[in-house]
Amino acid sequence: MVEEFAHRRLTAIMATDVVGYSRLMALDETATLATLKAHRRELIDSEIARRQGRIVKLTGDGMLVEFTSVVNAVACAAEIQSGMRVRNAHIPEDGAFSCVSASMSATLSWMTTTFLVTA
C-alpha cells in the first residue's frame, strides 16, 4: 500500500495596492504610468529582491509577492511604505503615490491565513 502525504509549504504573501491610482490615471495617464514604473524600478523591485521575494502576480497598480519568511514579507512591506513616504515628501498630497501593503502567512495547500499585518 502506498501512503500519500500532503505537501505543504508555509509561505508569506504580500499584497500591495496604489491608493488613488484611478484618480491619478484620470489626471495624467502618461505621468502616472511613468511614476509607477520608476517607483518599481528604483524602490519596490529592489526591496522585494533584497528580502528574497518573488512576484507572483501583477495587477496594474498592485501585486502579490511570495516570501518564504514572514519576517521578510513584513520587513519588505515596511521598507516600501517608508521609502514611499520619503519619495513623496516633496509632492503635494493629491499627486503623491501611496502604497498599501499587507502581509499574510498561509499554508498554500489550504490557503489558510494565520495572521495579517499591515504596514
C-alpha atoms as a PDB file:
ATOM      1  CA  MET A   1       0.000   0.000   0.000  1.00  0.00           C
ATOM      2  CA  VAL A   2       1.335   3.446  -0.962  1.00  0.00           C
ATOM      3  CA  GLU A   3       0.927   6.192   1.613  1.00  0.00           C
ATOM      4  CA  GLU A   4       0.101   9.634   0.322  1.00  0.00           C
ATOM      5  CA  PHE A   5       1.381  12.691   2.108  1.00  0.00           C
ATOM      6  CA  ALA A   6       0.069  16.196   1.689  1.00  0.00           C
ATOM      7  CA  HIS A   7       2.778  18.536   0.501  1.00  0.00           C
ATOM      8  CA  ARG A   8       2.512  21.756   2.481  1.00  0.00           C
ATOM      9  CA  ARG A   9       4.680  24.781   2.202  1.00  0.00           C
ATOM     10  CA  LEU A  10       4.486  27.675   4.603  1.00  0.00           C
ATOM     11  CA  THR A  11       4.750  30.959   2.766  1.00  0.00           C
ATOM     12  CA  ALA A  12       4.033  34.629   3.302  1.00  0.00           C
ATOM     13  CA  ILE A  13       2.172  36.735   0.752  1.00  0.00           C
ATOM     14  CA  MET A  14       2.493  40.496   0.467  1.00  0.00           C
ATOM     15  CA  ALA A  15      -0.300  42.281  -1.385  1.00  0.00           C
ATOM     16  CA  THR A  16       0.203  45.883  -2.484  1.00  0.00           C
ATOM     17  CA  ASP A  17      -2.126  48.465  -3.988  1.00  0.00           C
ATOM     18  CA  VAL A  18      -1.631  52.099  -5.011  1.00  0.00           C
ATOM     19  CA  VAL A  19      -4.090  54.367  -3.220  1.00  0.00           C
ATOM     20  CA  GLY A  20      -5.923  56.700  -5.616  1.00  0.00           C
ATOM     21  CA  TYR A  21      -4.465  55.093  -8.757  1.00  0.00           C
ATOM     22  CA  SER A  22      -7.636  55.573 -10.830  1.00  0.00           C
ATOM     23  CA  ARG A  23      -7.776  59.256  -9.880  1.00  0.00           C
ATOM     24  CA  LEU A  24      -4.099  59.748 -10.776  1.00  0.00           C
ATOM     25  CA  MET A  25      -4.607  57.931 -14.098  1.00  0.00           C
ATOM     26  CA  ALA A  26      -7.571  60.188 -14.912  1.00  0.00           C
ATOM     27  CA  LEU A  27      -5.468  63.288 -14.222  1.00  0.00           C
ATOM     28  CA  ASP A  28      -2.397  62.265 -16.259  1.00  0.00           C
ATOM     29  CA  GLU A  29      -2.105  58.694 -17.511  1.00  0.00           C
ATOM     30  CA  THR A  30       1.359  59.064 -19.042  1.00  0.00           C
ATOM     31  CA  ALA A  31       2.936  60.645 -15.957  1.00  0.00           C
ATOM     32  CA  THR A  32       1.201  58.191 -13.613  1.00  0.00           C
ATOM     33  CA  LEU A  33       2.495  55.142 -15.520  1.00  0.00           C
ATOM     34  CA  ALA A  34       5.996  56.625 -15.713  1.00  0.00           C
ATOM     35  CA  THR A  35       5.982  57.371 -11.981  1.00  0.00           C
ATOM     36  CA  LEU A  36       4.752  53.883 -11.079  1.00  0.00           C
ATOM     37  CA  LYS A  37       7.467  52.310 -13.260  1.00  0.00           C
ATOM     38  CA  ALA A  38      10.103  54.499 -11.594  1.00  0.00           C
ATOM     39  CA  HIS A  39       8.898  53.532  -8.096  1.00  0.00           C
ATOM     40  CA  ARG A  40       9.047  49.852  -9.067  1.00  0.00           C
ATOM     41  CA  ARG A  41      12.475  50.133 -10.667  1.00  0.00           C
ATOM     42  CA  GLU A  42      14.092  52.346  -8.008  1.00  0.00           C
ATOM     43  CA  LEU A  43      12.448  51.050  -4.801  1.00  0.00           C
ATOM     44  CA  ILE A  44       9.856  48.300  -4.872  1.00  0.00           C
ATOM     45  CA  ASP A  45      11.513  45.625  -7.036  1.00  0.00           C
ATOM     46  CA  SER A  46      14.874  46.046  -5.300  1.00  0.00           C
ATOM     47  CA  GLU A  47      13.271  45.691  -1.848  1.00  0.00           C
ATOM     48  CA  ILE A  48      11.462  42.554  -2.964  1.00  0.00           C
ATOM     49  CA  ALA A  49      14.722  41.074  -4.284  1.00  0.00           C
ATOM     50  CA  ARG A  50      16.657  42.120  -1.165  1.00  0.00           C
ATOM     51  CA  ARG A  51      14.098  40.301   1.009  1.00  0.00           C
ATOM     52  CA  GLN A  52      14.124  37.248  -1.294  1.00  0.00           C
ATOM     53  CA  GLY A  53      10.571  37.712  -2.527  1.00  0.00           C
ATOM     54  CA  ARG A  54       9.065  36.539  -5.804  1.00  0.00           C
ATOM     55  CA  ILE A  55       6.389  38.487  -7.679  1.00  0.00           C
ATOM     56  CA  VAL A  56       3.524  36.073  -8.284  1.00  0.00           C
ATOM     57  CA  LYS A  57       1.025  38.406  -9.958  1.00  0.00           C
ATOM     58  CA  LEU A  58       0.888  41.989 -11.203  1.00  0.00           C
ATOM     59  CA  THR A  59      -2.474  43.764 -11.307  1.00  0.00           C
ATOM     60  CA  GLY A  60      -1.662  47.123 -12.880  1.00  0.00           C
ATOM     61  CA  ASP A  61      -1.372  49.181  -9.697  1.00  0.00           C
ATOM     62  CA  GLY A  62      -0.843  46.235  -7.362  1.00  0.00           C
ATOM     63  CA  MET A  63       0.984  42.980  -6.933  1.00  0.00           C
ATOM     64  CA  LEU A  64       1.120  39.751  -4.990  1.00  0.00           C
ATOM     65  CA  VAL A  65       4.579  38.781  -3.766  1.00  0.00           C
ATOM     66  CA  GLU A  66       5.572  35.468  -2.194  1.00  0.00           C
ATOM     67  CA  PHE A  67       8.187  35.169   0.559  1.00  0.00           C
ATOM     68  CA  THR A  68       9.484  32.100   2.378  1.00  0.00           C
ATOM     69  CA  SER A  69       9.724  34.149   5.561  1.00  0.00           C
ATOM     70  CA  VAL A  70       7.006  36.145   7.290  1.00  0.00           C
ATOM     71  CA  VAL A  71       9.719  38.378   8.748  1.00  0.00           C
ATOM     72  CA  ASN A  72      10.991  39.197   5.242  1.00  0.00           C
ATOM     73  CA  ALA A  73       7.479  39.902   3.959  1.00  0.00           C
ATOM     74  CA  VAL A  74       6.677  42.312   6.794  1.00  0.00           C
ATOM     75  CA  ALA A  75      10.110  43.973   6.561  1.00  0.00           C
ATOM     76  CA  CYS A  76       9.673  44.423   2.801  1.00  0.00           C
ATOM     77  CA  ALA A  77       6.224  45.985   3.250  1.00  0.00           C
ATOM     78  CA  ALA A  78       7.571  48.337   5.939  1.00  0.00           C
ATOM     79  CA  GLU A  79      10.564  49.371   3.784  1.00  0.00           C
ATOM     80  CA  ILE A  80       8.333  50.070   0.793  1.00  0.00           C
ATOM     81  CA  GLN A  81       5.990  52.161   2.961  1.00  0.00           C
ATOM     82  CA  SER A  82       8.929  54.089   4.429  1.00  0.00           C
ATOM     83  CA  GLY A  83      10.545  54.584   1.043  1.00  0.00           C
ATOM     84  CA  MET A  84       7.306  55.856  -0.472  1.00  0.00           C
ATOM     85  CA  ARG A  85       6.950  58.430   2.331  1.00  0.00           C
ATOM     86  CA  VAL A  86      10.456  59.725   1.554  1.00  0.00           C
ATOM     87  CA  ARG A  87       9.825  59.735  -2.204  1.00  0.00           C
ATOM     88  CA  ASN A  88       6.528  61.622  -1.735  1.00  0.00           C
ATOM     89  CA  ALA A  89       7.854  64.200   0.746  1.00  0.00           C
ATOM     90  CA  HIS A  90       8.139  66.950  -1.889  1.00  0.00           C
ATOM     91  CA  ILE A  91       4.908  66.109  -3.759  1.00  0.00           C
ATOM     92  CA  PRO A  92       1.506  67.627  -2.905  1.00  0.00           C
ATOM     93  CA  GLU A  93      -0.707  65.027  -1.199  1.00  0.00           C
ATOM     94  CA  ASP A  94      -3.217  64.865  -4.063  1.00  0.00           C
ATOM     95  CA  GLY A  95      -0.444  63.899  -6.525  1.00  0.00           C
ATOM     96  CA  ALA A  96       1.542  61.526  -4.318  1.00  0.00           C
ATOM     97  CA  PHE A  97       1.704  57.773  -4.741  1.00  0.00           C
ATOM     98  CA  SER A  98       0.759  55.905  -1.620  1.00  0.00           C
ATOM     99  CA  CYS A  99       1.139  52.135  -1.454  1.00  0.00           C
ATOM    100  CA  VAL A 100      -0.890  49.990   0.879  1.00  0.00           C
ATOM    101  CA  SER A 101       0.871  46.735   1.718  1.00  0.00           C
ATOM    102  CA  ALA A 102      -0.365  43.790   3.695  1.00  0.00           C
ATOM    103  CA  SER A 103       1.480  40.612   4.512  1.00  0.00           C
ATOM    104  CA  MET A 104      -0.082  37.346   5.492  1.00  0.00           C
ATOM    105  CA  SER A 105       1.230  33.901   6.205  1.00  0.00           C
ATOM    106  CA  ALA A 106      -0.594  30.980   4.669  1.00  0.00           C
ATOM    107  CA  THR A 107      -0.189  27.279   4.137  1.00  0.00           C
ATOM    108  CA  LEU A 108      -0.519  27.155   0.370  1.00  0.00           C
ATOM    109  CA  SER A 109      -2.095  23.727   0.225  1.00  0.00           C
ATOM    110  CA  TRP A 110      -5.069  25.076   2.185  1.00  0.00           C
ATOM    111  CA  MET A 111      -4.572  28.844   1.742  1.00  0.00           C
ATOM    112  CA  THR A 112      -5.397  29.329   5.405  1.00  0.00           C
ATOM    113  CA  THR A 113      -4.486  32.742   6.711  1.00  0.00           C
ATOM    114  CA  THR A 114      -2.654  32.523  10.002  1.00  0.00           C
ATOM    115  CA  PHE A 115      -2.213  36.236  10.586  1.00  0.00           C
ATOM    116  CA  LEU A 116      -2.406  39.613   8.889  1.00  0.00           C
ATOM    117  CA  VAL A 117      -0.112  42.564   9.462  1.00  0.00           C
ATOM    118  CA  THR A 118      -0.438  45.898   7.711  1.00  0.00           C
ATOM    119  CA  ALA A 119       2.489  48.223   7.437  1.00  0.00           C
END
